[in-house]
Protein backbone atom coordinates (compact mmCIF):
# COMPACT_ATOMS: atom_id res chain seq x y z
CA MET A 1 -28.06 7.88 -22.14
CA PRO A 2 -23.75 7.81 -21.46
CA PRO A 3 -22.47 7.79 -17.58
CA LYS A 4 -22.22 10.68 -16.07
CA ARG A 5 -18.79 12.15 -15.83
CA ARG A 6 -17.19 12.25 -12.25
CA ALA A 7 -15.78 15.38 -10.98
CA PRO A 8 -12.12 15.51 -10.99
CA THR A 9 -9.82 15.11 -7.58
CA SER A 10 -7.50 18.28 -6.58
CA ALA A 11 -4.94 16.03 -7.40
CA GLU A 12 -6.11 15.22 -10.69
CA ALA A 13 -7.15 18.96 -11.50
CA SER A 14 -4.18 20.32 -10.57
CA ALA A 15 -2.33 17.75 -12.69
CA ALA A 16 -4.34 18.00 -15.51
CA SER A 17 -3.34 21.93 -15.62
CA ALA A 18 -0.01 21.73 -15.35
CA PRO A 19 1.23 22.54 -18.90
CA LYS A 20 2.86 18.82 -20.23
CA THR A 21 6.03 19.45 -22.36
CA ARG A 22 6.41 17.45 -25.35
CA GLN A 23 9.09 16.72 -27.18
CA SER A 24 9.31 18.36 -30.65
CA LYS A 25 9.95 16.22 -34.00
CA LEU A 26 13.64 17.25 -34.19
CA ALA A 27 14.34 16.14 -29.80
CA LYS A 28 12.78 12.73 -30.73
CA GLU A 29 14.96 12.17 -33.86
CA HIS A 30 18.00 13.04 -31.64
CA ASN A 31 16.67 11.01 -28.44
CA ILE A 32 16.82 14.39 -26.37
CA THR A 33 13.80 15.80 -23.63
CA SER A 34 12.20 18.59 -24.37
CA ALA A 35 13.77 20.24 -21.49
CA GLU A 36 17.27 19.71 -22.87
CA GLU A 37 16.15 20.74 -26.42
CA ASN A 38 14.72 24.37 -24.53
CA GLU A 39 18.41 24.21 -22.84
CA ILE A 40 19.90 24.07 -26.27
CA ARG A 41 17.20 26.41 -28.04
CA GLU A 42 18.35 28.92 -25.07
CA ALA A 43 21.93 29.10 -25.48
CA PHE A 44 21.59 29.24 -29.46
CA ALA A 45 19.41 32.40 -28.71
CA LEU A 46 22.11 33.94 -26.98
CA PHE A 47 24.05 34.10 -29.95
CA ALA A 48 21.41 34.14 -33.02
CA HIS A 49 21.06 36.62 -35.55
CA LYS A 50 18.25 36.54 -37.88
CA LYS A 51 18.29 35.08 -41.21
CA LYS A 52 15.72 34.91 -44.23
CA GLY A 53 14.32 31.42 -44.62
CA GLU A 54 15.52 30.21 -41.17
CA LYS A 55 12.98 30.17 -38.12
CA GLU A 56 15.50 29.84 -35.49
CA GLY A 57 17.83 32.21 -37.17
CA VAL A 58 21.47 31.53 -37.51
CA ILE A 59 24.73 31.79 -35.26
CA PRO A 60 27.97 32.80 -36.46
CA ILE A 61 30.60 29.94 -36.52
CA GLY A 62 33.00 31.72 -33.87
CA ASP A 63 30.10 31.49 -31.10
CA VAL A 64 29.68 27.82 -31.51
CA ARG A 65 32.00 27.37 -28.93
CA ARG A 66 30.48 29.78 -26.64
CA ALA A 67 26.94 28.45 -26.98
CA MET A 68 28.52 25.14 -26.12
CA ILE A 69 29.81 25.85 -23.23
CA ALA A 70 26.93 27.71 -21.93
CA LEU A 71 25.16 24.45 -22.14
CA ASP A 72 27.97 23.05 -20.38
CA ILE A 73 29.14 20.68 -23.21
CA SER A 74 32.73 22.66 -23.93
CA PRO A 75 34.25 20.75 -26.94
CA SER A 76 37.67 20.10 -27.12
CA SER A 77 39.45 21.89 -29.60
CA ASP A 78 39.42 19.19 -31.96
CA GLU A 79 35.50 18.03 -31.44
CA LEU A 80 35.44 21.77 -32.57
CA GLU A 81 37.23 21.75 -35.21
CA GLU A 82 35.18 18.70 -36.59
CA PHE A 83 31.48 20.44 -35.40
CA VAL A 84 32.61 23.57 -37.80
CA THR A 85 33.12 21.46 -40.69
CA ILE A 86 29.78 19.30 -39.38
CA LEU A 87 28.20 22.94 -38.89
CA ASP A 88 29.29 25.10 -41.96
CA PRO A 89 30.77 23.03 -44.67
CA GLU A 90 30.29 25.59 -47.89
CA GLU A 91 32.08 27.70 -45.25
CA GLU A 92 29.76 30.54 -45.40
CA GLY A 93 30.36 31.33 -41.40
CA PHE A 94 27.08 30.46 -40.08
CA ALA A 95 25.41 27.28 -37.74
CA GLU A 96 21.90 26.63 -38.09
CA TYR A 97 19.55 25.51 -35.61
CA GLU A 98 19.23 21.80 -36.40
CA SER A 99 22.62 21.01 -37.44
CA PHE A 100 23.38 23.11 -33.80
CA VAL A 101 20.87 20.46 -32.35
CA ALA A 102 22.41 17.11 -33.50
CA ILE A 103 25.71 18.04 -32.68
CA CYS A 104 24.60 19.52 -28.94
CA ALA A 105 22.36 16.24 -28.57
CA LEU A 106 26.04 13.86 -29.41
CA LYS A 107 28.05 15.60 -27.07
CA PHE A 108 24.90 15.32 -23.91
CA HIS A 109 24.49 11.54 -24.98
CA ASN A 110 28.47 11.09 -24.59
CA ARG A 111 28.35 13.08 -21.22
CA ASP A 112 25.57 10.70 -19.73
CA ARG A 113 27.57 7.78 -21.00
CA THR A 114 30.81 8.70 -19.29
CA SER A 115 29.95 10.94 -17.14
CA ASP A 116 31.29 9.80 -12.98
CA SER A 117 28.37 11.29 -11.62
CA HIS A 118 26.03 8.58 -13.93
CA SER A 119 28.29 5.76 -12.92
CA LYS A 120 28.20 6.96 -9.03
CA GLU A 121 24.39 6.88 -9.22
CA LEU A 122 24.05 3.79 -11.30
CA ASP A 123 25.71 1.91 -8.62
CA GLU A 124 23.98 3.93 -5.77
CA ALA A 125 20.70 2.66 -7.58
CA PHE A 126 21.68 -0.71 -9.03
CA SER A 127 22.75 -1.18 -4.98
CA LEU A 128 19.27 -0.55 -3.69
CA PHE A 129 18.10 -3.52 -5.39
CA THR A 130 20.68 -5.94 -4.68
CA GLN A 131 21.26 -5.46 -0.80
CA GLY A 132 23.89 -2.50 -0.44
CA GLY A 133 25.89 -4.32 -3.47
CA GLY A 134 26.42 -7.65 -1.81
CA GLU A 135 25.02 -9.52 -4.67
CA GLU A 136 25.56 -9.37 -8.31
CA LYS A 137 22.45 -9.06 -9.74
CA ILE A 138 19.02 -8.82 -8.82
CA THR A 139 16.59 -11.59 -8.51
CA LEU A 140 13.11 -12.48 -8.16
CA ALA A 141 13.93 -12.64 -4.34
CA THR A 142 15.20 -9.29 -4.50
CA LEU A 143 12.22 -7.45 -6.26
CA LYS A 144 9.91 -8.84 -3.68
CA ARG A 145 11.83 -7.40 -1.23
CA VAL A 146 11.91 -4.41 -2.31
CA ALA A 147 8.40 -4.60 -3.33
CA LYS A 148 7.58 -5.14 0.29
CA GLN A 149 10.04 -2.19 1.91
CA LEU A 150 7.54 -0.15 -0.40
CA ARG A 151 4.64 -1.78 0.50
CA GLU A 152 3.63 -2.09 -2.74
CA GLU A 153 1.75 -5.27 -3.54
CA VAL A 154 2.64 -6.81 -6.81
CA ASP A 155 2.03 -10.01 -7.78
CA ASP A 156 5.34 -12.74 -8.27
CA ASP A 157 3.67 -12.93 -12.25
CA MET A 158 4.77 -9.01 -12.66
CA LEU A 159 7.89 -9.64 -11.12
CA ARG A 160 8.92 -12.19 -13.43
CA ASP A 161 7.85 -10.58 -15.99
CA MET A 162 9.76 -7.48 -15.17
CA ILE A 163 12.77 -9.71 -14.62
CA LEU A 164 12.34 -11.09 -17.89
CA GLU A 165 11.73 -7.54 -19.76
CA ALA A 166 15.32 -6.53 -18.26
CA ASN A 167 16.98 -9.36 -19.65
CA GLY A 168 15.94 -9.69 -22.67
CA GLY A 169 14.33 -13.19 -21.70
CA ALA A 170 17.03 -14.98 -20.59
CA GLY A 171 15.13 -16.56 -17.77
CA VAL A 172 13.92 -15.44 -13.93
CA GLY A 173 16.88 -17.55 -12.49
CA ARG A 174 19.10 -15.58 -14.42
CA GLY A 175 18.38 -12.38 -12.88
CA VAL A 176 19.27 -8.91 -14.06
CA GLU A 177 22.90 -7.59 -14.24
CA LYS A 178 24.00 -4.04 -13.53
CA VAL A 179 24.51 -3.53 -17.56
CA GLU A 180 21.40 -4.91 -18.04
CA PHE A 181 19.42 -2.30 -15.26
CA GLU A 182 21.51 0.13 -16.93
CA GLU A 183 19.60 -0.36 -20.24
CA ILE A 184 16.14 -0.86 -18.96
CA MET A 185 16.51 2.33 -16.79
CA ARG A 186 17.50 4.44 -20.02
CA ARG A 187 14.85 3.16 -21.79
CA ALA A 188 12.58 3.80 -19.20
CA GLY A 189 13.92 7.95 -19.51
CA VAL A 190 15.50 7.47 -16.07
CA TRP A 191 19.08 8.00 -17.59
CA ARG A 192 19.71 9.67 -21.33
């Protein structure tokens, strides 16, 4: 006889009942979150017109700029010109949803990489590990200090593995530099 299931705790029950948003194939393809895709879909829907054969409809090329402004990723005039040629190569006057998602994803990624707020956030997060910015890299000792401050029991092998994962196996003694820290945070989904 199989073992009986235990009743979930209240925290587990609320977590299980909360709806989880899954990335669509399109979101995965363009490396955006489901929340970002929903934002794009909402902005697209503001200007969309029904078109036979198009699930999401289409938007007039003249409204592409407005939709992107609604997403807070307004294109420059040169970018807009390039986007229009990508979105409407046959000059039909309309943009389809999938290609609109593609250009918005590009703008999201570009915004995230060049944003001053991103740089500031990266510096602040990195300095939490490097004792306020006094050191140039995250070391085994700094990870131990952070774990102790957080009252987390983490064995040294796990901390060593974390460093090796972040620096690509270059060695525990070398530590983790800011560029590597940013990349591991991107892979973890903290930043896009």
